[in-house]
Protein backbone atom coordinates (compact mmCIF):
# COMPACT_ATOMS: atom_id res chain seq x y z
CA MET A 1 -0.02 0.03 -0.01
CA GLN A 2 1.43 3.41 -1.10
CA LEU A 3 0.99 6.47 1.04
CA PRO A 4 -0.73 9.36 -0.58
CA PRO A 5 1.54 11.86 -2.28
CA ILE A 6 2.22 14.77 -0.14
CA GLN A 7 3.34 18.14 -1.39
CA TYR A 8 4.66 20.85 0.91
CA HIS A 9 6.01 24.24 0.61
CA ILE A 10 8.16 25.83 3.47
CA GLN A 11 8.77 29.66 3.59
CA GLN A 12 11.41 30.46 6.08
CA GLY A 13 10.96 33.48 8.27
CA ARG A 14 13.24 36.53 8.07
CA ILE A 15 13.91 39.00 10.69
CA GLY A 16 14.76 42.61 9.64
CA ILE A 17 16.73 44.83 11.81
CA GLN A 18 16.95 48.62 11.43
CA THR A 19 19.38 50.59 13.42
CA HIS A 20 19.67 54.30 14.29
CA ASP A 21 23.02 55.45 15.48
CA ALA A 22 23.20 57.34 18.71
CA GLU A 23 24.09 61.20 18.17
CA GLN A 24 26.14 63.14 20.66
CA GLN A 25 27.00 66.78 20.29
CA ILE A 26 29.44 68.55 22.68
CA THR A 27 30.12 72.30 22.63
CA GLN A 28 32.04 74.29 25.16
CA ARG A 29 32.54 77.98 25.07
CA GLU A 30 36.00 79.35 25.81
CA ALA A 31 36.82 80.27 29.37
CA ASP A 32 36.24 83.86 30.32
CA LEU A 33 39.66 85.32 30.89
CA GLN A 34 40.53 88.59 32.27
CA ILE A 35 44.34 89.53 32.51
CA SER A 36 45.49 92.95 33.93
CA GLN A 37 49.23 93.85 34.50
CA PRO A 38 49.98 96.46 37.13
CA GLU A 39 52.80 98.83 36.20
CA ALA A 40 55.97 98.09 37.84
CA ASP A 41 57.03 100.30 40.95
CA ILE A 42 60.10 102.31 40.08
CA GLU A 43 62.08 104.37 42.49
CA ILE A 44 65.00 106.45 41.31
CA ASN A 45 67.47 107.95 43.72
CA ARG A 46 69.81 110.32 42.02
CA THR A 47 72.99 112.22 43.30
CA PRO A 48 73.57 115.07 40.91
CA PRO A 49 77.17 115.32 39.45
CA LYS A 50 79.26 118.10 40.83
CA LEU A 51 81.99 120.03 38.69
CA SER A 52 84.30 122.22 40.69
CA ILE A 53 86.82 124.49 38.85
CA ASP A 54 89.37 126.49 40.90
CA GLN A 55 91.33 128.77 38.50
CA SER A 56 92.76 130.95 41.28
CA GLN A 57 96.28 130.07 40.53
CA ALA A 58 95.73 130.78 36.93
CA TRP A 59 94.46 134.31 37.77
CA ARG A 60 97.35 134.83 40.13
CA ASP A 61 99.75 134.01 37.16
CA MET A 62 98.16 136.65 35.14
CA GLY A 63 98.30 139.06 37.93
CA ILE A 64 94.65 139.06 38.69
CA SER A 65 93.47 138.21 42.25
CA GLY A 66 90.13 138.24 43.95
CA PRO A 67 88.97 141.04 45.98
CA LEU A 68 90.00 139.58 49.30
CA GLU A 69 93.20 138.12 48.24
CA SER A 70 94.10 141.36 46.26
CA THR A 71 93.53 143.46 49.39
CA LYS A 72 95.75 141.22 51.35
CA GLU A 73 98.34 141.28 48.72
CA ASN A 74 98.25 145.11 48.53
CA ALA A 75 98.41 145.43 52.15
CA ASP A 76 101.42 143.10 52.46
CA GLU A 77 103.20 144.93 49.56
CA GLY A 78 102.60 148.29 51.06
CA LYS A 79 103.76 147.11 54.34
CA GLN A 80 106.88 145.69 52.80
CA THR A 81 107.46 148.85 50.64
CA ALA A 82 107.30 150.92 53.63
CA LEU A 83 109.72 148.89 55.40
CA GLU A 84 112.05 148.82 52.51
CA GLY A 85 111.64 152.73 52.26
CA VAL A 86 112.41 153.31 56.00
CA ALA A 87 115.43 150.97 55.71
CA ARG A 88 116.71 152.75 52.48
CA ARG A 89 116.23 156.15 54.06
CA ALA A 90 118.20 155.18 57.30
CA ARG A 91 120.88 153.66 55.00
CA GLU A 92 121.14 156.84 52.82
CA GLY A 93 120.97 158.99 56.03
CA ASN A 94 123.93 157.13 57.34
CA GLU A 95 125.79 157.55 54.01
CA MET A 96 124.92 161.43 54.00
CA ALA A 97 126.06 161.62 57.53
CA ARG A 98 129.68 160.76 56.22
CA ILE A 99 129.65 163.22 53.29
CA GLU A 100 132.46 165.02 54.89
CA HIS A 101 134.70 162.26 53.93
CA GLY A 102 134.15 162.87 50.18
CA ASP A 103 133.52 159.53 48.95
CA GLY A 104 130.71 160.62 46.62
CA ALA A 105 127.75 159.54 48.73
CA VAL A 106 125.37 161.94 47.04
CA GLU A 107 126.34 160.69 43.39
CA ARG A 108 126.11 157.05 44.57
CA ILE A 109 122.50 157.58 46.10
CA ALA A 110 121.35 159.40 43.12
CA LYS A 111 122.51 156.95 40.80
CA ARG A 112 121.07 154.13 42.58
CA ASN A 113 117.53 155.96 42.96
CA MET A 114 117.57 156.74 39.11
CA PRO A 115 114.96 154.88 37.23
CA ASN A 116 116.31 151.86 35.36
CA GLU A 117 115.98 152.60 31.62
CA TYR A 118 116.68 149.04 30.60
CA ARG A 119 114.36 146.26 31.72
CA GLY A 120 115.24 142.74 31.05
CA PHE A 121 112.77 140.52 29.13
CA THR A 122 111.96 137.02 30.28
CA MET A 123 109.72 134.53 28.58
CA GLY A 124 106.99 133.00 30.61
CA TRP A 125 103.81 131.01 30.26
CA ILE A 126 100.44 131.94 31.65
CA PRO A 127 99.17 130.02 33.35
CA SER A 128 102.56 128.85 34.75
CA SER A 129 101.53 125.11 34.46
CA TYR A 130 99.14 122.85 33.16
CA PHE A 131 97.80 122.11 36.62
CA ALA A 132 97.15 125.84 37.44
CA VAL A 133 93.57 125.14 36.87
CA ASP A 134 92.28 122.66 39.50
CA ILE A 135 89.36 120.64 38.22
CA GLU A 136 87.57 118.20 40.36
CA TYR A 137 84.54 116.26 39.07
CA ASP A 138 82.16 113.85 40.90
CA PRO A 139 79.97 111.96 38.51
CA GLY A 140 77.26 111.47 41.23
CA ASP A 141 75.16 108.37 41.25
CA VAL A 142 71.85 106.91 40.05
CA ASP A 143 70.13 104.30 42.24
CA VAL A 144 67.24 102.56 40.34
CA ASN A 145 64.93 100.11 42.26
CA VAL A 146 62.47 98.24 40.32
CA GLN A 147 59.78 96.18 41.93
CA LYS A 148 57.73 94.08 39.41
CA ASN A 149 54.05 93.38 39.91
CA ASP A 150 52.79 90.05 39.05
CA PRO A 151 49.81 89.95 36.28
CA ILE A 152 46.34 89.55 37.83
CA ILE A 153 44.67 86.66 36.00
CA GLU A 154 40.97 85.81 36.68
CA ALA A 155 39.63 82.75 34.78
CA THR A 156 36.09 81.40 34.69
CA PRO A 157 35.81 78.03 32.93
CA ASN A 158 32.54 77.15 31.12
CA LYS A 159 31.11 73.80 31.52
CA PRO A 160 30.63 71.79 28.29
CA VAL A 161 27.06 71.65 26.92
CA MET A 162 26.16 68.05 25.84
CA ASN A 163 23.21 66.89 23.74
CA TYR A 164 22.76 63.09 23.54
CA GLN A 165 20.22 61.40 21.49
CA PRO A 166 20.31 57.63 22.16
CA GLY A 167 20.23 55.26 19.29
CA ASN A 168 17.62 52.44 18.72
CA VAL A 169 17.26 49.08 17.26
CA ASP A 170 14.01 48.25 15.40
CA VAL A 171 13.37 44.39 14.91
CA TYR A 172 10.68 43.43 12.73
CA MET A 173 9.46 40.34 10.78
CA GLU A 174 10.56 41.03 7.25
CA GLN A 175 9.04 37.76 6.06
CA HIS A 176 6.65 35.56 8.14
CA PRO A 177 7.33 31.82 8.25
CA ASP A 178 4.94 29.51 6.32
CA PHE A 179 4.33 25.87 5.85
CA GLU A 180 1.85 24.42 3.39
CA MET A 181 1.19 20.78 2.89
CA ASP A 182 -1.03 19.34 0.33
CA VAL A 183 -1.96 15.65 0.11
CA ASP A 184 -3.71 14.31 -3.00
CA MET A 185 -6.24 12.00 -1.32
CA ALA A 186 -8.45 11.55 -4.30
CA THR A 187 -5.73 10.22 -6.50
CA TRP A 188 -4.44 8.01 -3.86
CA ARG A 189 -7.87 6.46 -3.36
CA ALA A 190 -8.42 5.91 -6.90
CA GLN A 191 -5.12 4.03 -7.19
CA ASN A 192 -5.59 1.85 -4.32
CA PHE A 193 -9.17 1.22 -4.52
CA ASP A 194 -9.72 1.32 -8.10
CA ILE A 195 -12.08 4.23 -7.89
CA HIS A 196 -12.36 6.20 -10.95
CA VAL A 197 -13.14 9.71 -10.41
């Protein structure tokens, strides 16, 4: 005995998957920054230079003196001249006292007191030396004190702004499974039981 013929059809199921990626956006503003730099503190102490020129010796070499020095020199010279005059007159008086000896005292005194017509010439330098002018120079001093000031920095950070959109996965049946089976009972009966249809 034969089994009836069977016909079947199988359709496999298919699963569909659709994914959506997650999205993330991050933005961050720059930090708020403020910088200020105070000026440095500078202190300058200065001792001014000093120049001292003493040309008294050069003036003296030219025969020029200051008022005080000139007064003293004239007083000394007058005193010396007066003393020399007194001594000369005393000496000449003593010579005249012996005039009776006939030694030509009057002629000698007159010749001695006669102005000298010839004056010798000597070469000299004015001023008398290179060091006749005394120069003293003090360059002074400059003391600089600098106190630097550190910069003032104020920084305010800004937090990041994050936008996140999660992804998802969609799972669906793209093709449903199916099973169909067909049994040809009529043909089977006819063959086995001689039934003509």
